[in-house]
Amino acid sequence: MNNSMTELMKKHRSIRNFEDRSLPDGLVEKLVSCGQRASTSSNLQAYSIIEVSDPERKKELTKLCADQLQIYQSSTFLVFCADLYRDHLAGKIHGAENFDADYVEALLIATVDASLVLQNVALAAESHGLGICMIGAIRNQPKAVGRLLRLPSYVYAVAGLCIGYPAKEQQCKPRLPLETILHHEYYPEDAHQQTYMKDYDQTMIEFYDSQQMHDRDPRWTRVMAARTAKFHQRKELDHYLTEQGFRLRTPESNDS
């Protein structure tokens, strides 16, 4: 039996070309309301969403996000922020002596909360026939983004979301075999993973050929080896998080 929701989810693909069209009045609010129904840790709701629709501000964000033109072309651009500042204010209202935002747990709670809402909004947008593209490059220059969006302490931009009407349909990119990511009772041995990873390498070669996307070597393992060697390129984020109050201290450092 087909389920319309699961079928919609299985058709997800990133859209990077949008028509020059505005969204109907009230639709963004409707999508965000759906986003708010995402699960949240202890009802903290540790996130904020900043809508950027002004062309000049979108142009600035495009530059800060590696010149990804889909940001500027989209009908609207939403920035999803991990936000503990509002919870900090709640503590001040009640004269709380401690605010433990500088522990890893606090950062993870806010980041996960924001990510869950982001996925809900994206799915809601797709259910309205809209296209979306998530933008991780919002973390390329976090200080500049923070200044532009006037982010207070205990807030940082996790990811952006382009929303608009697709100008060009994209094919769904194949995912890893289910056997690679769904494990039963315990984590598998390397040999189990590597077998399916090699199969996926061949799947990606065939996909890129079918789309006439002639990457010099589209094997997933090769692409991921290169990508994971570049995480240091966003090292500014480490310093920015500290400046924003996410100092990531340990219990040992607290005792010293």
Protein backbone atom coordinates (compact mmCIF):
# COMPACT_ATOMS: atom_id res chain seq x y z
CA MET A 1 0.00 0.00 0.00
CA ASN A 2 1.39 3.38 -1.00
CA ASN A 3 1.70 6.13 1.58
CA SER A 4 1.71 9.65 0.16
CA MET A 5 4.09 10.94 2.83
CA THR A 6 6.69 8.22 2.37
CA GLU A 7 6.47 8.59 -1.40
CA LEU A 8 7.05 12.35 -1.06
CA MET A 9 10.06 11.77 1.17
CA LYS A 10 11.57 9.27 -1.26
CA LYS A 11 11.32 11.83 -4.08
CA HIS A 12 13.49 14.42 -2.34
CA ARG A 13 16.19 16.09 -4.40
CA SER A 14 18.05 19.38 -4.09
CA ILE A 15 16.93 22.16 -6.42
CA ARG A 16 19.54 24.70 -7.52
CA ASN A 17 17.61 26.57 -10.21
CA PHE A 18 14.50 28.52 -9.28
CA GLU A 19 11.86 30.48 -11.18
CA ASP A 20 11.55 34.20 -10.54
CA ARG A 21 8.34 33.87 -8.51
CA SER A 22 7.22 34.98 -5.08
CA LEU A 23 5.61 32.66 -2.58
CA PRO A 24 1.94 33.22 -1.67
CA ASP A 25 1.33 35.42 1.36
CA GLY A 26 1.34 33.45 4.57
CA LEU A 27 2.99 30.33 3.15
CA VAL A 28 6.32 30.83 4.93
CA GLU A 29 4.49 31.16 8.23
CA LYS A 30 2.55 27.98 7.46
CA LEU A 31 5.73 26.07 6.68
CA VAL A 32 7.46 27.29 9.82
CA SER A 33 4.42 26.35 11.92
CA CYS A 34 4.83 22.81 10.58
CA GLY A 35 8.51 23.02 11.45
CA GLN A 36 7.68 23.88 15.04
CA ARG A 37 5.97 20.53 15.50
CA ALA A 38 9.33 18.78 15.33
CA SER A 39 10.51 17.00 18.44
CA THR A 40 12.52 19.19 20.79
CA SER A 41 14.64 18.32 23.81
CA SER A 42 12.73 19.02 27.05
CA ASN A 43 10.59 21.52 25.11
CA LEU A 44 13.56 23.91 25.04
CA GLN A 45 12.78 24.78 21.40
CA ALA A 46 16.38 25.95 21.15
CA TYR A 47 16.24 27.38 17.64
CA SER A 48 15.33 30.51 15.70
CA ILE A 49 14.63 30.96 12.00
CA ILE A 50 15.54 34.14 10.16
CA GLU A 51 13.80 34.76 6.84
CA VAL A 52 15.85 36.71 4.31
CA SER A 53 13.88 37.87 1.28
CA ASP A 54 15.41 41.28 0.60
CA PRO A 55 17.40 40.96 -2.66
CA GLU A 56 20.42 42.90 -1.41
CA ARG A 57 20.71 40.89 1.79
CA LYS A 58 20.29 37.67 -0.18
CA LYS A 59 23.09 38.86 -2.45
CA GLU A 60 25.34 39.38 0.58
CA LEU A 61 24.55 35.92 1.90
CA THR A 62 25.20 34.44 -1.53
CA LYS A 63 28.73 35.87 -1.43
CA LEU A 64 29.28 34.57 2.09
CA CYS A 65 28.13 31.10 1.03
CA ALA A 66 30.62 30.39 -1.76
CA ASP A 67 28.56 32.28 -4.36
CA GLN A 68 25.83 29.65 -4.49
CA LEU A 69 23.41 31.44 -6.81
CA GLN A 70 20.40 29.40 -5.74
CA ILE A 71 20.34 31.51 -2.57
CA TYR A 72 19.78 34.69 -4.56
CA GLN A 73 17.40 33.03 -7.03
CA SER A 74 15.17 31.42 -4.43
CA SER A 75 11.82 32.93 -3.50
CA THR A 76 12.97 33.12 0.08
CA PHE A 77 15.95 32.02 2.12
CA LEU A 78 15.61 30.79 5.68
CA VAL A 79 18.53 30.62 8.10
CA PHE A 80 18.09 28.05 10.85
CA CYS A 81 19.95 28.94 14.02
CA ALA A 82 20.78 26.99 17.13
CA ASP A 83 19.49 29.38 19.77
CA LEU A 84 20.03 29.19 23.52
CA TYR A 85 19.78 32.96 23.99
CA ARG A 86 16.03 32.79 24.56
CA ASP A 87 16.58 30.12 27.22
CA HIS A 88 19.24 32.38 28.74
CA LEU A 89 16.61 35.12 29.00
CA ALA A 90 14.24 32.69 30.70
CA GLY A 91 16.93 32.01 33.28
CA LYS A 92 17.42 35.73 33.90
CA ILE A 93 13.70 36.17 34.47
CA HIS A 94 13.88 33.65 37.30
CA GLY A 95 17.25 34.72 38.66
CA ALA A 96 19.03 31.50 37.72
CA GLU A 97 22.60 31.37 39.01
CA ASN A 98 23.94 29.03 36.33
CA PHE A 99 23.57 28.85 32.57
CA ASP A 100 25.44 25.85 31.21
CA ALA A 101 25.55 26.81 27.53
CA ASP A 102 29.29 26.19 27.44
CA TYR A 103 29.00 22.40 27.65
CA VAL A 104 28.95 20.13 24.60
CA GLU A 105 25.48 18.88 25.56
CA ALA A 106 24.03 22.38 25.22
CA LEU A 107 25.52 22.86 21.75
CA LEU A 108 24.26 19.44 20.63
CA ILE A 109 20.74 20.05 21.95
CA ALA A 110 20.41 23.37 20.12
CA THR A 111 21.98 22.05 16.92
CA VAL A 112 19.76 18.96 16.84
CA ASP A 113 16.66 21.03 17.62
CA ALA A 114 17.41 23.42 14.75
CA SER A 115 18.14 20.53 12.39
CA LEU A 116 14.87 18.74 13.16
CA VAL A 117 12.88 21.91 12.50
CA LEU A 118 14.82 22.48 9.28
CA GLN A 119 13.89 19.03 7.98
CA ASN A 120 10.23 19.54 8.91
CA VAL A 121 10.09 22.85 7.05
CA ALA A 122 11.82 21.34 4.03
CA LEU A 123 9.35 18.47 3.90
CA ALA A 124 6.39 20.82 4.31
CA ALA A 125 7.70 22.97 1.44
CA GLU A 126 8.07 19.94 -0.83
CA SER A 127 4.51 18.89 0.01
CA HIS A 128 3.39 22.20 -1.54
CA GLY A 129 5.25 21.42 -4.77
CA LEU A 130 8.16 23.70 -3.91
CA GLY A 131 11.83 22.92 -4.34
CA ILE A 132 14.41 23.28 -1.61
CA CYS A 133 18.16 23.30 -1.22
CA MET A 134 19.93 23.17 2.12
CA ILE A 135 23.02 25.35 2.46
CA GLY A 136 25.77 24.19 4.81
CA ALA A 137 28.05 26.93 3.47
CA ILE A 138 26.28 29.32 5.83
CA ARG A 139 29.03 28.13 8.21
CA ASN A 140 31.87 29.14 5.87
CA GLN A 141 32.13 32.64 7.32
CA PRO A 142 30.14 32.45 10.55
CA LYS A 143 31.29 35.77 11.98
CA ALA A 144 30.21 37.73 8.91
CA VAL A 145 26.90 35.86 8.81
CA GLY A 146 26.40 36.54 12.50
CA ARG A 147 27.00 40.26 12.00
CA LEU A 148 24.65 40.42 9.03
CA LEU A 149 21.87 38.66 10.92
CA ARG A 150 22.66 40.40 14.24
CA LEU A 151 22.94 37.14 16.14
CA PRO A 152 23.34 37.57 19.91
CA SER A 153 25.39 35.36 22.22
CA TYR A 154 24.42 31.68 22.42
CA VAL A 155 23.19 31.69 18.80
CA TYR A 156 24.84 30.47 15.60
CA ALA A 157 23.64 29.71 12.07
CA VAL A 158 23.44 25.94 11.52
CA ALA A 159 22.23 25.83 7.91
CA GLY A 160 20.27 27.75 5.33
CA LEU A 161 17.27 26.66 3.26
CA CYS A 162 16.44 27.91 -0.22
CA ILE A 163 12.73 27.65 -1.04
CA GLY A 164 11.16 28.35 -4.40
CA TYR A 165 9.60 27.01 -7.56
CA PRO A 166 11.88 24.63 -9.47
CA ALA A 167 13.00 26.00 -12.84
CA LYS A 168 14.62 22.69 -13.72
CA GLU A 169 13.79 19.25 -12.44
CA GLN A 170 16.60 17.25 -10.89
CA GLN A 171 16.89 13.49 -10.65
CA CYS A 172 16.99 11.89 -7.22
CA LYS A 173 20.57 11.03 -6.37
CA PRO A 174 21.00 7.41 -5.24
CA ARG A 175 21.66 6.83 -1.56
CA LEU A 176 23.85 4.28 0.17
CA PRO A 177 22.42 0.76 0.29
CA LEU A 178 20.19 0.28 3.32
CA GLU A 179 22.51 -2.48 4.53
CA THR A 180 25.26 0.13 4.90
CA ILE A 181 23.42 2.35 7.35
CA LEU A 182 20.82 0.12 9.06
CA HIS A 183 22.48 -2.20 11.57
CA HIS A 184 20.89 -4.76 13.88
CA GLU A 185 21.86 -5.09 17.53
CA TYR A 186 25.46 -3.91 17.07
CA TYR A 187 27.79 -2.03 14.72
CA PRO A 188 29.09 -4.28 11.91
CA GLU A 189 32.63 -5.25 10.96
CA ASP A 190 34.48 -3.23 8.31
CA ALA A 191 34.17 -5.96 5.69
CA HIS A 192 30.37 -5.75 5.82
CA GLN A 193 30.41 -2.01 5.24
CA GLN A 194 33.07 -2.07 2.55
CA THR A 195 31.20 -4.59 0.43
CA TYR A 196 28.20 -2.29 0.09
CA MET A 197 30.37 0.82 -0.22
CA LYS A 198 32.02 -0.69 -3.30
CA ASP A 199 28.59 -1.46 -4.75
CA TYR A 200 27.59 2.15 -4.14
CA ASP A 201 30.71 3.39 -5.89
CA GLN A 202 29.52 1.63 -9.04
CA THR A 203 25.99 2.99 -8.57
CA MET A 204 27.34 6.55 -8.47
CA ILE A 205 29.46 5.99 -11.59
CA GLU A 206 26.37 4.84 -13.46
CA PHE A 207 24.27 7.72 -12.10
CA TYR A 208 26.77 10.39 -13.15
CA ASP A 209 27.05 8.81 -16.59
CA SER A 210 23.26 8.78 -17.00
CA GLN A 211 23.10 12.48 -16.11
CA GLN A 212 26.05 13.33 -18.36
CA MET A 213 27.79 14.67 -15.29
CA HIS A 214 31.32 13.66 -16.15
CA ASP A 215 33.10 13.99 -12.84
CA ARG A 216 36.66 12.72 -13.18
CA ASP A 217 35.97 10.09 -10.53
CA PRO A 218 32.45 10.06 -9.05
CA ARG A 219 33.03 7.09 -6.75
CA TRP A 220 31.48 7.90 -3.40
CA THR A 221 34.44 6.61 -1.40
CA ARG A 222 36.82 8.82 -3.36
CA VAL A 223 34.60 11.90 -3.03
CA MET A 224 34.15 11.37 0.72
CA ALA A 225 37.87 10.82 1.26
CA ALA A 226 38.50 14.22 -0.31
CA ARG A 227 35.60 15.93 1.45
CA THR A 228 36.45 14.74 4.96
CA ALA A 229 40.02 15.96 4.50
CA LYS A 230 38.70 19.52 4.21
CA PHE A 231 36.73 19.97 7.42
CA HIS A 232 39.55 22.20 8.65
CA GLN A 233 38.53 24.81 6.08
CA ARG A 234 35.74 25.85 8.43
CA LYS A 235 38.06 26.26 11.41
CA GLU A 236 36.72 29.80 11.93
CA LEU A 237 33.57 28.13 13.23
CA ASP A 238 35.45 26.75 16.26
CA HIS A 239 36.54 30.24 17.33
CA TYR A 240 33.15 31.74 16.54
CA LEU A 241 31.29 29.22 18.68
CA THR A 242 33.59 30.05 21.58
CA GLU A 243 32.95 33.77 21.11
CA GLN A 244 29.20 33.12 21.04
CA GLY A 245 29.34 31.40 24.43
CA PHE A 246 29.62 27.78 23.32
CA ARG A 247 33.01 27.21 24.98
CA LEU A 248 32.67 23.41 25.04
CA ARG A 249 34.27 23.05 28.44
CA THR A 250 34.51 19.70 30.20
CA PRO A 251 33.59 18.87 33.80
CA GLU A 252 37.33 18.73 34.53
CA SER A 253 37.89 22.27 33.25
CA ASN A 254 34.96 23.44 35.36
CA ASP A 255 36.57 22.03 38.49
CA SER A 256 39.91 23.70 37.87
